[in-house]
C-alpha cells in the first residue's frame, strides 16, 4: 500500500500569504496542532500552533518560522515509511511529494495509525501471543503452519530481535480467542509462549493487560 492511498483531502493546506490568525482558526476548526504550508506548488514546511501563538495574528505566514521543511515522503513509498517519520519527529501531518518534488498532498498521523491498526488486525476478534525464540530458529512459516494445524490463522505478526544475545520475540495476532490448544502445540514443538492475551479466560492471562494492548493497537 503506497502513501497516496491515504492522502488526506479534508485538512486545509496553507499559503505564505495566509495570516497567523487564519492558520490558528483552521487548526482549531480541524482539531489539529500542525498544518502544512505550500508555496507555488512546492512544500515549504509546517507551522505549529505553539509557535504561532507567539506571533501577531495579522502577520503573514511568509514571516513565520517554518519547521520540518526537509521532512517529506515520496508518493511511491509504502505507508510503513511514514510511520517512522511521524514518530521520530512527532508530526501530526506529513507532506507527500512526487518525483519532481512537487507537493501532491498530505497524510495525517491519525489516518496512518488507523490504517496500521487495520493492517495489524487489531479490530478483528482474536488473541495475541508473545513467543520467545532464538534469532537463528526464527521461521514464521513454521510457526504459522503449527497454528494453522489447529484451524487458526495468523492475522499479523511483529518480530523483535536482539543481536547481542540471539534472543527474540514474535508477537502474533490470532483469529481465535480460544488458544489453549495453540499454546500447547507451540510449546510441544519447543517454543516458549511468554504471554498470551485473550477475552476467553486461559492460563496466565491478565485481562487488563490484554485490554490495554488492544487499546494501544487501535490508536
N, C-alpha and C. Protein backbone atom coordinates (compact mmCIF):
# COMPACT_ATOMS: atom_id res chain seq x y z
N UNK A 1 0.85 -1.20 0.00
CA UNK A 1 0.00 0.00 0.00
C UNK A 1 0.88 1.25 0.00
N UNK A 2 0.77 2.07 -1.03
CA UNK A 2 1.57 3.28 -1.11
C UNK A 2 0.91 4.42 -0.34
N UNK A 3 1.71 5.42 -0.05
CA UNK A 3 1.26 6.53 0.77
C UNK A 3 0.11 7.32 0.12
N UNK A 4 0.04 7.28 -1.22
CA UNK A 4 -1.00 8.04 -1.92
C UNK A 4 -2.40 7.54 -1.59
N UNK A 5 -2.49 6.29 -1.14
CA UNK A 5 -3.79 5.71 -0.86
C UNK A 5 -4.44 6.26 0.41
N UNK A 6 -3.65 6.94 1.24
CA UNK A 6 -4.24 7.50 2.47
C UNK A 6 -4.02 9.02 2.54
N UNK A 7 -3.84 9.66 1.37
CA UNK A 7 -3.74 11.13 1.37
C UNK A 7 -5.03 11.74 1.92
N UNK A 8 -4.86 12.70 2.80
CA UNK A 8 -6.00 13.37 3.44
C UNK A 8 -6.42 14.57 2.60
N UNK A 9 -7.68 14.56 2.18
CA UNK A 9 -8.20 15.65 1.33
C UNK A 9 -9.05 16.64 2.12
N UNK A 10 -9.15 16.44 3.43
CA UNK A 10 -10.02 17.29 4.24
C UNK A 10 -9.26 18.42 4.95
N UNK A 11 -8.02 18.17 5.33
CA UNK A 11 -7.25 19.19 6.04
C UNK A 11 -6.84 20.31 5.08
N UNK A 12 -6.90 21.55 5.51
CA UNK A 12 -6.51 22.66 4.64
C UNK A 12 -4.99 22.72 4.46
N UNK A 13 -4.57 23.24 3.32
CA UNK A 13 -3.15 23.49 3.03
C UNK A 13 -2.97 25.00 2.98
N UNK A 14 -2.00 25.50 3.73
CA UNK A 14 -1.81 26.94 3.86
C UNK A 14 -0.89 27.50 2.79
N UNK A 15 -1.02 28.82 2.57
CA UNK A 15 -0.14 29.57 1.66
C UNK A 15 0.66 30.58 2.47
N UNK A 16 1.81 31.01 1.96
CA UNK A 16 2.60 32.01 2.68
C UNK A 16 1.84 33.31 2.92
N UNK A 17 0.87 33.60 2.07
CA UNK A 17 0.10 34.84 2.21
C UNK A 17 -1.00 34.74 3.28
N UNK A 18 -1.31 33.53 3.72
CA UNK A 18 -2.31 33.37 4.79
C UNK A 18 -1.77 33.96 6.08
N UNK A 19 -2.67 34.44 6.92
CA UNK A 19 -2.25 35.05 8.17
C UNK A 19 -2.13 34.03 9.29
N UNK A 20 -1.43 34.42 10.33
CA UNK A 20 -1.31 33.58 11.52
C UNK A 20 -2.69 33.29 12.10
N UNK A 21 -3.54 34.31 12.11
CA UNK A 21 -4.89 34.13 12.64
C UNK A 21 -5.69 33.11 11.85
N UNK A 22 -5.57 33.18 10.53
CA UNK A 22 -6.25 32.19 9.69
C UNK A 22 -5.79 30.78 10.01
N UNK A 23 -4.46 30.62 10.13
CA UNK A 23 -3.90 29.29 10.43
C UNK A 23 -4.41 28.77 11.76
N UNK A 24 -4.42 29.63 12.78
CA UNK A 24 -4.90 29.21 14.09
C UNK A 24 -6.38 28.84 14.07
N UNK A 25 -7.16 29.58 13.30
CA UNK A 25 -8.58 29.27 13.20
C UNK A 25 -8.82 27.92 12.54
N UNK A 26 -8.04 27.64 11.47
CA UNK A 26 -8.18 26.36 10.79
C UNK A 26 -7.72 25.21 11.68
N UNK A 27 -6.70 25.45 12.47
CA UNK A 27 -6.23 24.42 13.40
C UNK A 27 -7.31 24.11 14.43
N UNK A 28 -7.93 25.15 14.95
CA UNK A 28 -8.98 24.94 15.93
C UNK A 28 -10.17 24.23 15.31
N UNK A 29 -10.52 24.63 14.08
CA UNK A 29 -11.66 24.02 13.40
C UNK A 29 -11.43 22.53 13.11
N UNK A 30 -10.19 22.19 12.78
CA UNK A 30 -9.87 20.81 12.42
C UNK A 30 -9.26 20.01 13.58
N UNK A 31 -9.17 20.66 14.74
CA UNK A 31 -8.64 20.00 15.95
C UNK A 31 -7.28 19.36 15.70
N UNK A 32 -6.38 20.16 15.19
CA UNK A 32 -5.03 19.69 14.90
C UNK A 32 -4.03 20.78 15.25
N UNK A 33 -2.83 20.41 15.64
CA UNK A 33 -1.85 21.39 16.09
C UNK A 33 -0.79 21.74 15.07
N UNK A 34 -0.87 21.16 13.87
CA UNK A 34 0.09 21.45 12.81
C UNK A 34 -0.62 21.50 11.46
N UNK A 35 -0.14 22.36 10.58
CA UNK A 35 -0.64 22.42 9.21
C UNK A 35 0.53 22.66 8.26
N UNK A 36 0.34 22.28 7.02
CA UNK A 36 1.40 22.37 6.01
C UNK A 36 1.26 23.65 5.21
N UNK A 37 2.41 24.25 4.89
CA UNK A 37 2.46 25.46 4.06
C UNK A 37 3.06 25.09 2.71
N UNK A 38 2.39 25.50 1.63
CA UNK A 38 2.85 25.21 0.27
C UNK A 38 2.97 26.53 -0.49
N UNK A 39 4.09 26.71 -1.17
CA UNK A 39 4.37 27.94 -1.91
C UNK A 39 4.53 27.61 -3.39
N UNK A 40 3.56 28.03 -4.21
CA UNK A 40 3.60 27.81 -5.66
C UNK A 40 3.83 26.33 -6.00
N UNK A 41 3.11 25.46 -5.32
CA UNK A 41 3.19 24.04 -5.62
C UNK A 41 4.34 23.31 -4.97
N UNK A 42 5.15 24.02 -4.20
CA UNK A 42 6.30 23.41 -3.54
C UNK A 42 6.09 23.43 -2.03
N UNK A 43 6.44 22.33 -1.41
CA UNK A 43 6.31 22.22 0.04
C UNK A 43 7.30 23.16 0.72
N UNK A 44 6.80 24.00 1.64
CA UNK A 44 7.64 24.98 2.31
C UNK A 44 7.96 24.60 3.75
N UNK A 45 7.07 23.85 4.40
CA UNK A 45 7.30 23.47 5.79
C UNK A 45 6.00 23.35 6.55
N UNK A 46 6.14 23.22 7.87
CA UNK A 46 4.98 23.04 8.75
C UNK A 46 4.93 24.18 9.76
N UNK A 47 3.73 24.67 10.02
CA UNK A 47 3.53 25.63 11.10
C UNK A 47 2.85 24.91 12.25
N UNK A 48 3.31 25.22 13.46
CA UNK A 48 2.77 24.58 14.66
C UNK A 48 2.04 25.60 15.52
N UNK A 49 0.98 25.14 16.14
CA UNK A 49 0.15 26.02 16.95
C UNK A 49 0.94 26.69 18.07
N UNK A 50 1.81 25.93 18.75
CA UNK A 50 2.54 26.51 19.87
C UNK A 50 3.48 27.61 19.45
N UNK A 51 4.01 27.54 18.22
CA UNK A 51 4.89 28.60 17.71
C UNK A 51 4.07 29.79 17.23
N UNK A 52 2.95 29.53 16.56
CA UNK A 52 2.13 30.62 16.04
C UNK A 52 1.57 31.50 17.15
N UNK A 53 1.39 30.96 18.33
CA UNK A 53 0.86 31.74 19.44
C UNK A 53 1.78 32.90 19.83
N UNK A 54 3.04 32.84 19.41
CA UNK A 54 3.99 33.91 19.73
C UNK A 54 4.01 35.02 18.69
N UNK A 55 3.19 34.89 17.63
CA UNK A 55 3.17 35.88 16.56
C UNK A 55 1.86 36.67 16.56
N UNK A 56 1.91 37.86 15.96
CA UNK A 56 0.70 38.66 15.78
C UNK A 56 -0.22 37.97 14.79
N UNK A 57 -1.50 37.96 15.05
CA UNK A 57 -2.44 37.24 14.20
C UNK A 57 -2.54 37.79 12.79
N UNK A 58 -2.18 39.04 12.59
CA UNK A 58 -2.24 39.63 11.26
C UNK A 58 -0.99 39.37 10.43
N UNK A 59 0.02 38.80 11.03
CA UNK A 59 1.28 38.57 10.32
C UNK A 59 1.11 37.44 9.30
N UNK A 60 1.63 37.61 8.08
CA UNK A 60 1.55 36.54 7.09
C UNK A 60 2.48 35.39 7.45
N UNK A 61 2.13 34.21 7.03
CA UNK A 61 2.96 33.04 7.33
C UNK A 61 4.32 33.11 6.66
N UNK A 62 4.46 33.97 5.65
CA UNK A 62 5.75 34.15 4.99
C UNK A 62 6.79 34.69 5.97
N UNK A 63 6.34 35.34 7.04
CA UNK A 63 7.26 35.91 8.03
C UNK A 63 7.37 35.05 9.28
N UNK A 64 6.81 33.87 9.23
CA UNK A 64 6.80 32.98 10.40
C UNK A 64 7.84 31.87 10.20
N UNK A 65 8.43 31.43 11.29
CA UNK A 65 9.40 30.34 11.22
C UNK A 65 8.69 29.03 10.90
N UNK A 66 9.08 28.41 9.79
CA UNK A 66 8.52 27.12 9.40
C UNK A 66 9.43 25.99 9.89
N UNK A 67 8.83 24.85 10.16
CA UNK A 67 9.58 23.70 10.65
C UNK A 67 9.51 22.53 9.66
N UNK A 68 10.47 21.62 9.79
CA UNK A 68 10.46 20.33 9.09
C UNK A 68 10.36 20.48 7.56
N UNK A 69 11.03 21.50 7.03
CA UNK A 69 10.97 21.73 5.58
C UNK A 69 11.65 20.61 4.79
N UNK A 70 12.51 19.83 5.44
CA UNK A 70 13.22 18.75 4.76
C UNK A 70 12.56 17.38 4.99
N UNK A 71 11.52 17.34 5.81
CA UNK A 71 10.90 16.06 6.16
C UNK A 71 9.68 15.83 5.28
N UNK A 72 9.83 14.93 4.32
CA UNK A 72 8.75 14.62 3.37
C UNK A 72 8.75 13.13 3.08
N UNK A 73 7.77 12.70 2.32
CA UNK A 73 7.72 11.32 1.87
C UNK A 73 7.31 11.30 0.41
N UNK A 74 7.89 10.36 -0.34
CA UNK A 74 7.58 10.25 -1.76
C UNK A 74 6.27 9.51 -1.97
N UNK A 75 5.57 9.86 -3.03
CA UNK A 75 4.25 9.27 -3.25
C UNK A 75 4.29 7.78 -3.57
N UNK A 76 5.45 7.25 -3.93
CA UNK A 76 5.55 5.83 -4.26
C UNK A 76 5.98 4.98 -3.06
N UNK A 77 6.27 5.61 -1.92
CA UNK A 77 6.72 4.87 -0.76
C UNK A 77 5.56 4.20 -0.03
N UNK A 78 5.89 3.13 0.69
CA UNK A 78 4.89 2.39 1.45
C UNK A 78 4.55 3.16 2.73
N UNK A 79 3.35 2.93 3.25
CA UNK A 79 2.94 3.67 4.44
C UNK A 79 3.82 3.33 5.64
N UNK A 80 4.52 2.19 5.62
CA UNK A 80 5.43 1.86 6.70
C UNK A 80 6.49 2.95 6.86
N UNK A 81 6.92 3.54 5.75
CA UNK A 81 7.94 4.59 5.79
C UNK A 81 7.43 5.83 6.52
N UNK A 82 6.15 6.10 6.39
CA UNK A 82 5.59 7.30 7.03
C UNK A 82 5.55 7.16 8.55
N UNK A 83 5.35 5.94 9.03
CA UNK A 83 5.23 5.73 10.47
C UNK A 83 6.50 6.15 11.20
N UNK A 84 7.66 5.80 10.63
CA UNK A 84 8.92 6.17 11.25
C UNK A 84 9.12 7.67 11.31
N UNK A 85 8.77 8.38 10.24
CA UNK A 85 8.92 9.83 10.21
C UNK A 85 7.97 10.51 11.19
N UNK A 86 6.74 10.08 11.21
CA UNK A 86 5.75 10.67 12.11
C UNK A 86 6.16 10.50 13.57
N UNK A 87 6.68 9.33 13.88
CA UNK A 87 7.10 9.04 15.26
C UNK A 87 8.38 9.78 15.63
N UNK A 88 9.36 9.76 14.76
CA UNK A 88 10.66 10.35 15.07
C UNK A 88 10.57 11.85 15.29
N UNK A 89 9.78 12.53 14.45
CA UNK A 89 9.70 13.99 14.52
C UNK A 89 8.44 14.50 15.20
N UNK A 90 7.63 13.59 15.75
CA UNK A 90 6.40 13.95 16.46
C UNK A 90 5.48 14.80 15.58
N UNK A 91 5.28 14.34 14.37
CA UNK A 91 4.47 15.08 13.40
C UNK A 91 3.01 14.66 13.45
N UNK A 92 2.15 15.63 13.18
CA UNK A 92 0.73 15.33 13.03
C UNK A 92 0.34 15.27 11.56
N UNK A 93 1.16 15.89 10.70
CA UNK A 93 0.94 15.87 9.26
C UNK A 93 2.28 15.65 8.56
N UNK A 94 2.23 15.09 7.37
CA UNK A 94 3.45 14.81 6.61
C UNK A 94 3.18 15.09 5.14
N UNK A 95 4.08 15.87 4.51
CA UNK A 95 3.92 16.24 3.11
C UNK A 95 4.27 15.09 2.19
N UNK A 96 3.49 14.93 1.13
CA UNK A 96 3.72 13.90 0.12
C UNK A 96 4.15 14.59 -1.18
N UNK A 97 5.30 14.19 -1.72
CA UNK A 97 5.85 14.80 -2.93
C UNK A 97 5.97 13.76 -4.04
N UNK A 98 5.93 14.24 -5.30
CA UNK A 98 6.16 13.34 -6.43
C UNK A 98 7.64 13.32 -6.79
N UNK A 99 8.00 12.66 -7.87
CA UNK A 99 9.40 12.51 -8.24
C UNK A 99 10.06 13.85 -8.57
N UNK A 100 9.28 14.82 -9.00
CA UNK A 100 9.81 16.15 -9.31
C UNK A 100 9.78 17.08 -8.10
N UNK A 101 9.52 16.52 -6.94
CA UNK A 101 9.47 17.26 -5.68
C UNK A 101 8.33 18.28 -5.63
N UNK A 102 7.28 18.01 -6.39
CA UNK A 102 6.08 18.83 -6.31
C UNK A 102 5.18 18.29 -5.19
N UNK A 103 4.53 19.19 -4.49
CA UNK A 103 3.61 18.81 -3.42
C UNK A 103 2.32 18.26 -4.04
N UNK A 104 1.92 17.07 -3.64
CA UNK A 104 0.69 16.48 -4.19
C UNK A 104 -0.35 16.20 -3.12
N UNK A 105 0.00 16.38 -1.85
CA UNK A 105 -0.96 16.15 -0.79
C UNK A 105 -0.28 15.92 0.55
N UNK A 106 -1.07 15.56 1.52
CA UNK A 106 -0.53 15.30 2.86
C UNK A 106 -1.21 14.10 3.47
N UNK A 107 -0.51 13.49 4.42
CA UNK A 107 -1.12 12.42 5.21
C UNK A 107 -1.16 12.88 6.66
N UNK A 108 -2.21 12.51 7.36
CA UNK A 108 -2.35 12.85 8.77
C UNK A 108 -1.95 11.66 9.62
N UNK A 109 -1.31 11.94 10.73
CA UNK A 109 -0.84 10.87 11.61
C UNK A 109 -2.00 9.97 12.05
N UNK A 110 -3.14 10.55 12.35
CA UNK A 110 -4.28 9.74 12.80
C UNK A 110 -4.71 8.75 11.73
N UNK A 111 -4.66 9.16 10.46
CA UNK A 111 -5.03 8.25 9.37
C UNK A 111 -4.04 7.11 9.25
N UNK A 112 -2.74 7.43 9.42
CA UNK A 112 -1.70 6.39 9.33
C UNK A 112 -1.87 5.38 10.46
N UNK A 113 -2.09 5.88 11.69
CA UNK A 113 -2.23 4.99 12.83
C UNK A 113 -3.48 4.11 12.69
N UNK A 114 -4.56 4.68 12.18
CA UNK A 114 -5.78 3.90 11.99
C UNK A 114 -5.58 2.81 10.94
N UNK A 115 -4.84 3.15 9.88
CA UNK A 115 -4.58 2.17 8.83
C UNK A 115 -3.70 1.04 9.36
N UNK A 116 -2.73 1.38 10.20
CA UNK A 116 -1.89 0.34 10.77
C UNK A 116 -2.69 -0.56 11.71
N UNK A 117 -3.60 0.02 12.47
CA UNK A 117 -4.46 -0.79 13.33
C UNK A 117 -5.27 -1.77 12.49
N UNK A 118 -5.70 -1.31 11.33
CA UNK A 118 -6.46 -2.18 10.42
C UNK A 118 -5.57 -3.28 9.85
N UNK A 119 -4.35 -2.91 9.42
CA UNK A 119 -3.42 -3.88 8.85
C UNK A 119 -2.97 -4.91 9.87
N UNK A 120 -2.83 -4.49 11.13
CA UNK A 120 -2.40 -5.40 12.18
C UNK A 120 -3.51 -6.32 12.67
N UNK A 121 -4.72 -6.06 12.19
CA UNK A 121 -5.83 -6.90 12.60
C UNK A 121 -6.32 -6.61 14.01
N UNK A 122 -5.98 -5.44 14.55
CA UNK A 122 -6.35 -5.14 15.93
C UNK A 122 -7.86 -4.97 16.10
N UNK A 123 -8.56 -4.70 15.00
CA UNK A 123 -10.01 -4.54 15.10
C UNK A 123 -10.74 -5.87 14.90
N UNK A 124 -9.98 -6.91 14.56
CA UNK A 124 -10.57 -8.23 14.38
C UNK A 124 -10.60 -8.97 15.73
N UNK A 125 -11.63 -9.77 15.97
CA UNK A 125 -11.64 -10.56 17.21
C UNK A 125 -10.54 -11.59 17.18
N UNK A 126 -9.99 -11.89 18.35
CA UNK A 126 -8.92 -12.87 18.41
C UNK A 126 -8.04 -12.66 19.62
N UNK A 127 -6.91 -13.35 19.62
CA UNK A 127 -5.99 -13.30 20.75
C UNK A 127 -4.60 -12.89 20.28
N UNK A 128 -3.77 -12.51 21.24
CA UNK A 128 -2.39 -12.13 20.97
C UNK A 128 -1.46 -13.06 21.73
N UNK A 129 -0.45 -13.58 21.03
CA UNK A 129 0.56 -14.42 21.64
C UNK A 129 1.92 -13.76 21.51
N UNK A 130 2.72 -13.82 22.56
CA UNK A 130 4.10 -13.34 22.52
C UNK A 130 4.99 -14.56 22.72
N UNK A 131 5.74 -14.90 21.66
CA UNK A 131 6.55 -16.12 21.66
C UNK A 131 8.02 -15.76 21.75
N UNK A 132 8.73 -16.39 22.67
CA UNK A 132 10.17 -16.19 22.82
C UNK A 132 10.91 -17.22 21.98
N UNK A 133 11.84 -16.75 21.12
CA UNK A 133 12.58 -17.65 20.25
C UNK A 133 14.02 -17.17 20.13
N UNK A 134 14.86 -17.98 19.51
CA UNK A 134 16.21 -17.59 19.16
C UNK A 134 16.20 -17.03 17.74
N UNK A 135 17.03 -16.01 17.51
CA UNK A 135 17.11 -15.45 16.16
C UNK A 135 17.35 -16.52 15.12
N UNK A 136 18.26 -17.42 15.42
CA UNK A 136 18.64 -18.44 14.44
C UNK A 136 17.54 -19.46 14.20
N UNK A 137 16.58 -19.53 15.14
CA UNK A 137 15.49 -20.51 14.99
C UNK A 137 14.22 -19.89 14.41
N UNK A 138 14.27 -18.60 14.08
CA UNK A 138 13.05 -17.92 13.64
C UNK A 138 12.58 -18.42 12.28
N UNK A 139 11.35 -18.86 12.24
CA UNK A 139 10.70 -19.25 11.00
C UNK A 139 9.22 -18.99 11.12
N UNK A 140 8.77 -17.88 10.55
CA UNK A 140 7.36 -17.54 10.61
C UNK A 140 6.52 -18.59 9.90
N UNK A 141 7.08 -19.15 8.82
CA UNK A 141 6.34 -20.17 8.07
C UNK A 141 6.07 -21.39 8.94
N UNK A 142 7.08 -21.82 9.72
CA UNK A 142 6.92 -22.98 10.58
C UNK A 142 5.91 -22.72 11.70
N UNK A 143 6.03 -21.52 12.32
CA UNK A 143 5.10 -21.19 13.41
C UNK A 143 3.68 -21.06 12.87
N UNK A 144 3.52 -20.44 11.71
CA UNK A 144 2.20 -20.31 11.10
C UNK A 144 1.61 -21.68 10.78
N UNK A 145 2.46 -22.60 10.32
CA UNK A 145 1.99 -23.94 9.99
C UNK A 145 1.44 -24.64 11.23
N UNK A 146 2.13 -24.47 12.36
CA UNK A 146 1.68 -25.09 13.60
C UNK A 146 0.33 -24.51 14.05
N UNK A 147 0.21 -23.19 13.92
CA UNK A 147 -1.04 -22.53 14.31
C UNK A 147 -2.18 -22.94 13.39
N UNK A 148 -1.89 -23.01 12.09
CA UNK A 148 -2.92 -23.39 11.12
C UNK A 148 -3.34 -24.85 11.28
N UNK A 149 -2.44 -25.68 11.83
CA UNK A 149 -2.79 -27.08 12.07
C UNK A 149 -3.87 -27.21 13.14
N UNK A 150 -4.08 -26.13 13.88
CA UNK A 150 -5.13 -26.10 14.91
C UNK A 150 -6.33 -25.28 14.44
N UNK A 151 -6.47 -25.19 13.11
CA UNK A 151 -7.61 -24.48 12.49
C UNK A 151 -7.68 -23.02 12.89
N UNK A 152 -6.52 -22.35 12.98
CA UNK A 152 -6.48 -20.92 13.25
C UNK A 152 -5.55 -20.26 12.23
N UNK A 153 -5.58 -18.93 12.19
CA UNK A 153 -4.75 -18.19 11.24
C UNK A 153 -4.04 -17.04 11.94
N UNK A 154 -2.86 -16.70 11.42
CA UNK A 154 -2.12 -15.54 11.91
C UNK A 154 -2.60 -14.31 11.13
N UNK A 155 -3.21 -13.36 11.84
CA UNK A 155 -3.69 -12.14 11.19
C UNK A 155 -2.58 -11.13 10.96
N UNK A 156 -1.64 -11.07 11.91
CA UNK A 156 -0.50 -10.17 11.78
C UNK A 156 0.60 -10.64 12.71
N UNK A 157 1.82 -10.16 12.45
CA UNK A 157 2.95 -10.56 13.29
C UNK A 157 3.95 -9.42 13.38
N UNK A 158 4.70 -9.42 14.48
CA UNK A 158 5.76 -8.43 14.67
C UNK A 158 6.96 -9.12 15.30
N UNK A 159 8.11 -9.04 14.63
CA UNK A 159 9.33 -9.69 15.09
C UNK A 159 10.28 -8.65 15.67
N UNK A 160 10.81 -8.93 16.86
CA UNK A 160 11.76 -8.03 17.50
C UNK A 160 12.96 -8.86 17.97
N UNK A 161 14.12 -8.64 17.33
CA UNK A 161 15.30 -9.43 17.64
C UNK A 161 16.33 -8.65 18.42
N UNK A 162 17.23 -9.37 19.07
CA UNK A 162 18.34 -8.79 19.83
C UNK A 162 19.63 -9.43 19.33
N UNK A 163 20.47 -8.64 18.66
CA UNK A 163 21.68 -9.17 18.05
C UNK A 163 22.76 -9.50 19.07
N UNK A 164 22.61 -9.03 20.30
CA UNK A 164 23.65 -9.24 21.31
C UNK A 164 23.58 -10.61 21.96
N UNK A 165 22.38 -11.13 22.17
CA UNK A 165 22.28 -12.42 22.85
C UNK A 165 21.42 -13.44 22.09
N UNK A 166 21.14 -13.15 20.83
CA UNK A 166 20.42 -14.07 19.95
C UNK A 166 18.98 -14.31 20.37
N UNK A 167 18.49 -13.52 21.33
CA UNK A 167 17.10 -13.70 21.75
C UNK A 167 16.17 -12.84 20.92
N UNK A 168 14.93 -13.27 20.80
CA UNK A 168 13.96 -12.53 20.00
C UNK A 168 12.56 -12.83 20.51
N UNK A 169 11.64 -11.95 20.17
CA UNK A 169 10.23 -12.20 20.48
C UNK A 169 9.41 -12.03 19.22
N UNK A 170 8.41 -12.84 19.10
CA UNK A 170 7.49 -12.78 17.97
C UNK A 170 6.09 -12.58 18.53
N UNK A 171 5.48 -11.45 18.18
CA UNK A 171 4.13 -11.14 18.63
C UNK A 171 3.15 -11.48 17.52
N UNK A 172 2.17 -12.29 17.83
CA UNK A 172 1.23 -12.79 16.83
C UNK A 172 -0.21 -12.44 17.20
N UNK A 173 -0.96 -11.96 16.23
CA UNK A 173 -2.41 -11.79 16.41
C UNK A 173 -3.09 -12.98 15.74
N UNK A 174 -3.85 -13.73 16.51
CA UNK A 174 -4.52 -14.94 16.04
C UNK A 174 -6.01 -14.67 15.89
N UNK A 175 -6.63 -15.28 14.90
CA UNK A 175 -8.05 -15.01 14.63
C UNK A 175 -8.98 -15.86 15.50
N UNK A 176 -8.49 -16.25 16.67
CA UNK A 176 -9.31 -17.06 17.56
C UNK A 176 -9.04 -16.67 18.99
N UNK A 177 -10.08 -16.64 19.82
CA UNK A 177 -9.92 -16.26 21.21
C UNK A 177 -9.59 -17.46 22.09
N UNK A 178 -10.02 -18.63 21.68
CA UNK A 178 -9.73 -19.85 22.42
C UNK A 178 -8.38 -20.40 21.95
N UNK A 179 -7.32 -20.20 22.74
CA UNK A 179 -5.97 -20.51 22.26
C UNK A 179 -5.20 -21.48 23.15
N UNK A 180 -5.87 -22.12 24.08
CA UNK A 180 -5.18 -23.09 24.93
C UNK A 180 -4.48 -24.17 24.11
N UNK A 181 -5.19 -24.70 23.12
CA UNK A 181 -4.61 -25.77 22.31
C UNK A 181 -3.47 -25.27 21.44
N UNK A 182 -3.55 -24.01 21.00
CA UNK A 182 -2.47 -23.43 20.19
C UNK A 182 -1.21 -23.28 21.02
N UNK A 183 -1.38 -22.78 22.25
CA UNK A 183 -0.23 -22.65 23.16
C UNK A 183 0.40 -24.01 23.41
N UNK A 184 -0.43 -25.01 23.64
CA UNK A 184 0.07 -26.36 23.90
C UNK A 184 0.86 -26.89 22.70
N UNK A 185 0.36 -26.63 21.49
CA UNK A 185 1.04 -27.09 20.28
C UNK A 185 2.40 -26.42 20.13
N UNK A 186 2.46 -25.10 20.31
CA UNK A 186 3.72 -24.37 20.18
C UNK A 186 4.73 -24.87 21.22
N UNK A 187 4.28 -25.04 22.45
CA UNK A 187 5.20 -25.48 23.50
C UNK A 187 5.66 -26.92 23.28
N UNK A 188 4.81 -27.72 22.67
CA UNK A 188 5.19 -29.11 22.39
C UNK A 188 6.32 -29.17 21.35
N UNK A 189 6.37 -28.16 20.50
CA UNK A 189 7.42 -28.11 19.49
C UNK A 189 8.59 -27.21 19.91
N UNK A 190 8.66 -26.91 21.19
CA UNK A 190 9.84 -26.24 21.72
C UNK A 190 9.79 -24.74 21.80
N UNK A 191 8.66 -24.13 21.47
CA UNK A 191 8.54 -22.68 21.55
C UNK A 191 8.05 -22.27 22.94
N UNK A 192 8.53 -21.14 23.42
CA UNK A 192 8.13 -20.63 24.74
C UNK A 192 7.15 -19.47 24.56
N UNK A 193 5.95 -19.64 25.05
CA UNK A 193 4.94 -18.58 24.99
C UNK A 193 5.09 -17.72 26.23
N UNK A 194 5.66 -16.52 26.06
CA UNK A 194 5.91 -15.63 27.19
C UNK A 194 4.63 -15.03 27.75
N UNK A 195 3.72 -14.70 26.88
CA UNK A 195 2.48 -14.07 27.32
C UNK A 195 1.38 -14.37 26.31
N UNK A 196 0.16 -14.33 26.78
CA UNK A 196 -0.99 -14.54 25.91
C UNK A 196 -2.13 -13.66 26.40
N UNK A 197 -2.85 -13.11 25.46
CA UNK A 197 -3.91 -12.16 25.80
C UNK A 197 -5.16 -12.54 25.01
N UNK A 198 -6.25 -12.78 25.71
CA UNK A 198 -7.49 -13.14 25.04
C UNK A 198 -8.66 -12.81 25.94
N UNK A 199 -9.83 -12.64 25.32
CA UNK A 199 -11.03 -12.37 26.11
C UNK A 199 -11.50 -13.61 26.85
N UNK A 200 -11.23 -14.78 26.27
CA UNK A 200 -11.61 -16.01 26.96
C UNK A 200 -10.58 -16.32 28.03
N UNK A 201 -10.99 -16.53 29.31
CA UNK A 201 -10.02 -16.81 30.37
C UNK A 201 -9.21 -18.06 30.07
N UNK A 202 -7.87 -17.94 30.10
CA UNK A 202 -6.99 -19.07 29.91
C UNK A 202 -5.85 -18.95 30.89
N UNK A 203 -5.03 -19.96 30.95
CA UNK A 203 -3.91 -19.95 31.89
C UNK A 203 -3.00 -18.78 31.61
N UNK A 204 -2.60 -18.07 32.69
CA UNK A 204 -1.62 -16.98 32.63
C UNK A 204 -2.12 -15.74 31.92
N UNK A 205 -3.43 -15.62 31.73
CA UNK A 205 -3.97 -14.44 31.06
C UNK A 205 -4.23 -13.33 32.07
N UNK A 206 -3.81 -12.13 31.71
CA UNK A 206 -4.13 -10.95 32.51
C UNK A 206 -5.02 -10.07 31.65
N UNK A 207 -6.33 -10.08 31.92
CA UNK A 207 -7.30 -9.41 31.08
C UNK A 207 -6.99 -7.93 30.93
N UNK A 208 -6.57 -7.30 32.02
CA UNK A 208 -6.30 -5.86 31.95
C UNK A 208 -5.20 -5.55 30.97
N UNK A 209 -4.15 -6.39 30.96
CA UNK A 209 -3.03 -6.16 30.03
C UNK A 209 -3.48 -6.35 28.60
N UNK A 210 -4.35 -7.31 28.36
CA UNK A 210 -4.88 -7.52 27.02
C UNK A 210 -5.67 -6.31 26.55
N UNK A 211 -6.55 -5.81 27.39
CA UNK A 211 -7.35 -4.65 27.02
C UNK A 211 -6.48 -3.44 26.71
N UNK A 212 -5.41 -3.24 27.51
CA UNK A 212 -4.51 -2.12 27.26
C UNK A 212 -3.79 -2.28 25.92
N UNK A 213 -3.38 -3.51 25.60
CA UNK A 213 -2.71 -3.75 24.33
C UNK A 213 -3.65 -3.50 23.16
N UNK A 214 -4.88 -3.96 23.25
CA UNK A 214 -5.85 -3.73 22.19
C UNK A 214 -6.14 -2.24 22.01
N UNK A 215 -6.19 -1.51 23.12
CA UNK A 215 -6.42 -0.07 23.04
C UNK A 215 -5.25 0.62 22.36
N UNK A 216 -4.02 0.18 22.68
CA UNK A 216 -2.83 0.76 22.06
C UNK A 216 -2.81 0.51 20.56
N UNK A 217 -3.13 -0.73 20.13
CA UNK A 217 -3.10 -1.06 18.72
C UNK A 217 -4.19 -0.35 17.94
N UNK A 218 -5.23 0.12 18.64
CA UNK A 218 -6.35 0.76 17.96
C UNK A 218 -6.22 2.28 17.90
N UNK A 219 -5.12 2.83 18.44
CA UNK A 219 -4.92 4.29 18.45
C UNK A 219 -4.81 4.80 17.02
